[in-house]
């Protein structure tokens, strides 16, 4: 690995993943619960029972940030599900727990998203920037953390697996 590239990766590692919500908050806790239980009913909803006023405010905050959708059933019963931005935020929360790779190893993301899907391509680039990836080429990005399994799951969930590949790479 070149000294310049190593230095850039080192500096990126000093940065933090960019979140829409504080990563250790009650909002993050709700997103994590929704993400982990993403196999709710047919529409991806998870049911919350006997919710208190703070929990209700947190749900409304997440809804305002366009991270979740909510269906109120009655006074003490609410269904919630992740929206696409919420899915990305959930994966960022999981990525914080990833181990750093050692030596010359990196997590590499390579993608070729068709022109007619500009929004998805822009979303992909923003997500990678938020997760402290370093751009090597326009569609080739690397990070010093073991994100391979998480990103593979994310791209399957977002139906982007045909356009995106995630690798462990090592420079000789």
C-alpha atoms as a PDB file:
ATOM      1  CA  UNK A   1       0.000   0.000   0.000  1.00  0.00           C
ATOM      2  CA  UNK A   2       1.423   3.383  -0.935  1.00  0.00           C
ATOM      3  CA  UNK A   3       2.379   5.776   1.871  1.00  0.00           C
ATOM      4  CA  UNK A   4      -0.077   8.378   0.574  1.00  0.00           C
ATOM      5  CA  UNK A   5      -2.964   5.898   0.493  1.00  0.00           C
ATOM      6  CA  UNK A   6      -2.079   4.570   3.934  1.00  0.00           C
ATOM      7  CA  UNK A   7      -1.997   8.133   5.310  1.00  0.00           C
ATOM      8  CA  UNK A   8      -5.389   8.974   3.771  1.00  0.00           C
ATOM      9  CA  UNK A   9      -6.901   5.820   5.261  1.00  0.00           C
ATOM     10  CA  UNK A  10      -5.344   6.590   8.623  1.00  0.00           C
ATOM     11  CA  UNK A  11      -6.877  10.081   8.566  1.00  0.00           C
ATOM     12  CA  UNK A  12     -10.270   8.695   7.563  1.00  0.00           C
ATOM     13  CA  UNK A  13     -10.160   6.243  10.450  1.00  0.00           C
ATOM     14  CA  UNK A  14      -9.879   9.233  12.794  1.00  0.00           C
ATOM     15  CA  UNK A  15     -13.245  10.440  11.498  1.00  0.00           C
ATOM     16  CA  UNK A  16     -16.523   8.975  12.618  1.00  0.00           C
ATOM     17  CA  UNK A  17     -19.378   7.490  10.675  1.00  0.00           C
ATOM     18  CA  UNK A  18     -21.883  10.234   9.920  1.00  0.00           C
ATOM     19  CA  UNK A  19     -25.341   9.626  11.409  1.00  0.00           C
ATOM     20  CA  UNK A  20     -28.671  11.384  11.057  1.00  0.00           C
ATOM     21  CA  UNK A  21     -29.278  10.624  14.736  1.00  0.00           C
ATOM     22  CA  UNK A  22     -26.930  10.255  17.743  1.00  0.00           C
ATOM     23  CA  UNK A  23     -25.490   6.739  17.559  1.00  0.00           C
ATOM     24  CA  UNK A  24     -25.976   6.022  21.284  1.00  0.00           C
ATOM     25  CA  UNK A  25     -29.471   7.360  21.823  1.00  0.00           C
ATOM     26  CA  UNK A  26     -32.982   6.090  22.358  1.00  0.00           C
ATOM     27  CA  UNK A  27     -33.610   6.893  18.663  1.00  0.00           C
ATOM     28  CA  UNK A  28     -30.749   4.599  17.642  1.00  0.00           C
ATOM     29  CA  UNK A  29     -32.086   1.927  19.970  1.00  0.00           C
ATOM     30  CA  UNK A  30     -35.459   2.003  18.212  1.00  0.00           C
ATOM     31  CA  UNK A  31     -33.829   1.844  14.772  1.00  0.00           C
ATOM     32  CA  UNK A  32     -31.728  -1.078  15.924  1.00  0.00           C
ATOM     33  CA  UNK A  33     -34.817  -2.942  17.184  1.00  0.00           C
ATOM     34  CA  UNK A  34     -36.620  -2.333  13.900  1.00  0.00           C
ATOM     35  CA  UNK A  35     -33.613  -3.396  11.851  1.00  0.00           C
ATOM     36  CA  UNK A  36     -32.996  -6.559  13.841  1.00  0.00           C
ATOM     37  CA  UNK A  37     -36.673  -7.501  13.628  1.00  0.00           C
ATOM     38  CA  UNK A  38     -37.028  -6.448  10.008  1.00  0.00           C
ATOM     39  CA  UNK A  39     -38.925  -9.628   9.322  1.00  0.00           C
ATOM     40  CA  UNK A  40     -42.149  -8.179  10.798  1.00  0.00           C
ATOM     41  CA  UNK A  41     -45.460  -8.632   9.002  1.00  0.00           C
ATOM     42  CA  UNK A  42     -45.826  -8.593   5.200  1.00  0.00           C
ATOM     43  CA  UNK A  43     -45.027  -4.869   4.979  1.00  0.00           C
ATOM     44  CA  UNK A  44     -42.013  -5.085   7.312  1.00  0.00           C
ATOM     45  CA  UNK A  45     -43.858  -3.655  10.322  1.00  0.00           C
ATOM     46  CA  UNK A  46     -42.941  -4.427  13.922  1.00  0.00           C
ATOM     47  CA  UNK A  47     -45.577  -4.018  16.629  1.00  0.00           C
ATOM     48  CA  UNK A  48     -44.831  -2.015  19.786  1.00  0.00           C
ATOM     49  CA  UNK A  49     -47.192  -2.519  22.734  1.00  0.00           C
ATOM     50  CA  UNK A  50     -47.714  -0.370  25.857  1.00  0.00           C
ATOM     51  CA  UNK A  51     -45.550   2.510  24.671  1.00  0.00           C
ATOM     52  CA  UNK A  52     -44.868   5.489  26.895  1.00  0.00           C
ATOM     53  CA  UNK A  53     -44.883   9.157  25.837  1.00  0.00           C
ATOM     54  CA  UNK A  54     -41.087   9.388  25.386  1.00  0.00           C
ATOM     55  CA  UNK A  55     -41.083   6.330  23.152  1.00  0.00           C
ATOM     56  CA  UNK A  56     -43.965   7.836  21.154  1.00  0.00           C
ATOM     57  CA  UNK A  57     -42.004  11.123  20.754  1.00  0.00           C
ATOM     58  CA  UNK A  58     -38.952   9.173  19.611  1.00  0.00           C
ATOM     59  CA  UNK A  59     -41.019   7.336  17.009  1.00  0.00           C
ATOM     60  CA  UNK A  60     -42.406  10.650  15.733  1.00  0.00           C
ATOM     61  CA  UNK A  61     -38.885  12.118  15.561  1.00  0.00           C
ATOM     62  CA  UNK A  62     -37.723   9.154  13.470  1.00  0.00           C
ATOM     63  CA  UNK A  63     -40.770   9.560  11.247  1.00  0.00           C
ATOM     64  CA  UNK A  64     -40.029  13.282  10.740  1.00  0.00           C
ATOM     65  CA  UNK A  65     -36.468  12.387   9.743  1.00  0.00           C
ATOM     66  CA  UNK A  66     -37.942  10.018   7.118  1.00  0.00           C
ATOM     67  CA  UNK A  67     -36.322   6.969   8.728  1.00  0.00           C
ATOM     68  CA  UNK A  68     -39.478   5.019   9.637  1.00  0.00           C
ATOM     69  CA  UNK A  69     -43.151   4.761   8.796  1.00  0.00           C
ATOM     70  CA  UNK A  70     -45.770   4.388  11.500  1.00  0.00           C
ATOM     71  CA  UNK A  71     -49.269   2.944  11.675  1.00  0.00           C
ATOM     72  CA  UNK A  72     -51.197   3.702  14.833  1.00  0.00           C
ATOM     73  CA  UNK A  73     -53.539   0.900  15.759  1.00  0.00           C
ATOM     74  CA  UNK A  74     -54.848   2.204  19.073  1.00  0.00           C
ATOM     75  CA  UNK A  75     -53.693   4.235  22.099  1.00  0.00           C
ATOM     76  CA  UNK A  76     -51.086   1.700  23.277  1.00  0.00           C
ATOM     77  CA  UNK A  77     -50.335  -0.156  20.050  1.00  0.00           C
ATOM     78  CA  UNK A  78     -48.200   1.165  17.181  1.00  0.00           C
ATOM     79  CA  UNK A  79     -46.680  -0.567  14.175  1.00  0.00           C
ATOM     80  CA  UNK A  80     -43.429   0.806  12.730  1.00  0.00           C
ATOM     81  CA  UNK A  81     -41.159  -0.146   9.832  1.00  0.00           C
ATOM     82  CA  UNK A  82     -37.893   1.121   8.404  1.00  0.00           C
ATOM     83  CA  UNK A  83     -37.922   3.275   5.284  1.00  0.00           C
ATOM     84  CA  UNK A  84     -34.909   3.123   2.905  1.00  0.00           C
ATOM     85  CA  UNK A  85     -33.058   5.909   4.780  1.00  0.00           C
ATOM     86  CA  UNK A  86     -33.798   4.053   8.019  1.00  0.00           C
ATOM     87  CA  UNK A  87     -32.303   0.865   6.581  1.00  0.00           C
ATOM     88  CA  UNK A  88     -29.109   2.793   5.746  1.00  0.00           C
ATOM     89  CA  UNK A  89     -29.013   4.335   9.211  1.00  0.00           C
ATOM     90  CA  UNK A  90     -29.509   0.899  10.808  1.00  0.00           C
ATOM     91  CA  UNK A  91     -26.579  -0.504   8.827  1.00  0.00           C
ATOM     92  CA  UNK A  92     -24.398   2.436   9.865  1.00  0.00           C
ATOM     93  CA  UNK A  93     -25.208   1.599  13.489  1.00  0.00           C
ATOM     94  CA  UNK A  94     -24.121  -1.998  12.880  1.00  0.00           C
ATOM     95  CA  UNK A  95     -20.973  -0.891  11.034  1.00  0.00           C
ATOM     96  CA  UNK A  96     -19.735   1.001  14.092  1.00  0.00           C
ATOM     97  CA  UNK A  97     -19.292  -2.392  15.747  1.00  0.00           C
ATOM     98  CA  UNK A  98     -17.061  -3.733  12.937  1.00  0.00           C
ATOM     99  CA  UNK A  99     -13.456  -4.718  13.533  1.00  0.00           C
ATOM    100  CA  UNK A 100     -10.558  -2.865  11.950  1.00  0.00           C
ATOM    101  CA  UNK A 101      -8.668  -4.808   9.282  1.00  0.00           C
ATOM    102  CA  UNK A 102      -4.923  -5.234   9.745  1.00  0.00           C
ATOM    103  CA  UNK A 103      -1.891  -4.836   7.530  1.00  0.00           C
ATOM    104  CA  UNK A 104      -2.663  -4.079   3.904  1.00  0.00           C
ATOM    105  CA  UNK A 105      -6.209  -5.493   4.059  1.00  0.00           C
ATOM    106  CA  UNK A 106      -9.182  -3.345   3.113  1.00  0.00           C
ATOM    107  CA  UNK A 107     -12.880  -3.724   2.453  1.00  0.00           C
ATOM    108  CA  UNK A 108     -13.432  -2.843  -1.206  1.00  0.00           C
ATOM    109  CA  UNK A 109     -16.731  -1.858  -2.798  1.00  0.00           C
ATOM    110  CA  UNK A 110     -16.955  -1.860  -6.583  1.00  0.00           C
ATOM    111  CA  UNK A 111     -20.144  -0.870  -8.341  1.00  0.00           C
ATOM    112  CA  UNK A 112     -21.520  -0.209 -11.803  1.00  0.00           C
ATOM    113  CA  UNK A 113     -25.018   1.146 -11.401  1.00  0.00           C
ATOM    114  CA  UNK A 114     -26.822   1.876 -14.696  1.00  0.00           C
ATOM    115  CA  UNK A 115     -27.344   5.505 -15.685  1.00  0.00           C
ATOM    116  CA  UNK A 116     -31.117   5.242 -15.340  1.00  0.00           C
ATOM    117  CA  UNK A 117     -30.628   4.640 -11.584  1.00  0.00           C
ATOM    118  CA  UNK A 118     -28.819   7.943 -10.823  1.00  0.00           C
ATOM    119  CA  UNK A 119     -30.526   8.348  -7.450  1.00  0.00           C
ATOM    120  CA  UNK A 120     -29.360   4.946  -6.229  1.00  0.00           C
ATOM    121  CA  UNK A 121     -25.822   5.688  -7.431  1.00  0.00           C
ATOM    122  CA  UNK A 122     -25.794   9.053  -5.636  1.00  0.00           C
ATOM    123  CA  UNK A 123     -27.224   7.400  -2.514  1.00  0.00           C
ATOM    124  CA  UNK A 124     -24.501   4.731  -2.681  1.00  0.00           C
ATOM    125  CA  UNK A 125     -21.721   7.332  -2.903  1.00  0.00           C
ATOM    126  CA  UNK A 126     -23.156   9.391  -0.034  1.00  0.00           C
ATOM    127  CA  UNK A 127     -23.496   6.253   2.098  1.00  0.00           C
ATOM    128  CA  UNK A 128     -19.875   5.259   1.434  1.00  0.00           C
ATOM    129  CA  UNK A 129     -18.662   8.778   2.258  1.00  0.00           C
ATOM    130  CA  UNK A 130     -20.722   8.761   5.475  1.00  0.00           C
ATOM    131  CA  UNK A 131     -19.088   5.433   6.391  1.00  0.00           C
ATOM    132  CA  UNK A 132     -15.547   6.835   5.914  1.00  0.00           C
ATOM    133  CA  UNK A 133     -14.705   5.003   2.722  1.00  0.00           C
ATOM    134  CA  UNK A 134     -11.926   6.399   0.557  1.00  0.00           C
ATOM    135  CA  UNK A 135     -12.667   6.826  -3.136  1.00  0.00           C
ATOM    136  CA  UNK A 136     -10.006   5.164  -5.304  1.00  0.00           C
ATOM    137  CA  UNK A 137     -11.907   5.581  -8.568  1.00  0.00           C
ATOM    138  CA  UNK A 138     -15.393   6.868  -9.279  1.00  0.00           C
ATOM    139  CA  UNK A 139     -16.946   3.473  -8.515  1.00  0.00           C
ATOM    140  CA  UNK A 140     -14.215   1.846  -6.409  1.00  0.00           C
ATOM    141  CA  UNK A 141     -14.087   2.592  -2.685  1.00  0.00           C
ATOM    142  CA  UNK A 142     -12.083   1.155   0.226  1.00  0.00           C
ATOM    143  CA  UNK A 143     -12.265   1.212   4.028  1.00  0.00           C
ATOM    144  CA  UNK A 144     -10.043  -0.166   6.800  1.00  0.00           C
ATOM    145  CA  UNK A 145     -12.892  -1.951   8.568  1.00  0.00           C
ATOM    146  CA  UNK A 146     -14.481  -5.359   8.042  1.00  0.00           C
ATOM    147  CA  UNK A 147     -17.773  -4.281   6.481  1.00  0.00           C
ATOM    148  CA  UNK A 148     -17.946  -7.081   3.882  1.00  0.00           C
ATOM    149  CA  UNK A 149     -20.778  -9.173   5.363  1.00  0.00           C
ATOM    150  CA  UNK A 150     -22.826  -6.155   6.465  1.00  0.00           C
ATOM    151  CA  UNK A 151     -22.558  -4.438   3.093  1.00  0.00           C
ATOM    152  CA  UNK A 152     -23.369  -7.655   1.244  1.00  0.00           C
ATOM    153  CA  UNK A 153     -26.562  -7.953   3.326  1.00  0.00           C
ATOM    154  CA  UNK A 154     -27.379  -4.272   2.761  1.00  0.00           C
ATOM    155  CA  UNK A 155     -27.036  -4.468  -1.014  1.00  0.00           C
ATOM    156  CA  UNK A 156     -29.191  -7.602  -1.138  1.00  0.00           C
ATOM    157  CA  UNK A 157     -31.837  -5.831   0.977  1.00  0.00           C
ATOM    158  CA  UNK A 158     -31.720  -2.736  -1.282  1.00  0.00           C
ATOM    159  CA  UNK A 159     -31.922  -4.953  -4.386  1.00  0.00           C
ATOM    160  CA  UNK A 160     -28.575  -3.660  -5.665  1.00  0.00           C
ATOM    161  CA  UNK A 161     -26.626  -6.943  -5.545  1.00  0.00           C
ATOM    162  CA  UNK A 162     -26.470  -7.193  -9.364  1.00  0.00           C
ATOM    163  CA  UNK A 163     -24.564  -3.895  -9.570  1.00  0.00           C
ATOM    164  CA  UNK A 164     -22.390  -3.987  -6.459  1.00  0.00           C
ATOM    165  CA  UNK A 165     -19.577  -6.262  -5.315  1.00  0.00           C
ATOM    166  CA  UNK A 166     -17.906  -6.211  -1.897  1.00  0.00           C
ATOM    167  CA  UNK A 167     -14.470  -7.774  -1.331  1.00  0.00           C
ATOM    168  CA  UNK A 168     -11.670  -8.173   1.149  1.00  0.00           C
ATOM    169  CA  UNK A 169      -8.620  -6.932  -0.714  1.00  0.00           C
ATOM    170  CA  UNK A 170      -4.920  -6.890  -0.012  1.00  0.00           C
ATOM    171  CA  UNK A 171      -2.301  -4.924  -1.899  1.00  0.00           C
ATOM    172  CA  UNK A 172       0.958  -6.670  -2.739  1.00  0.00           C
END
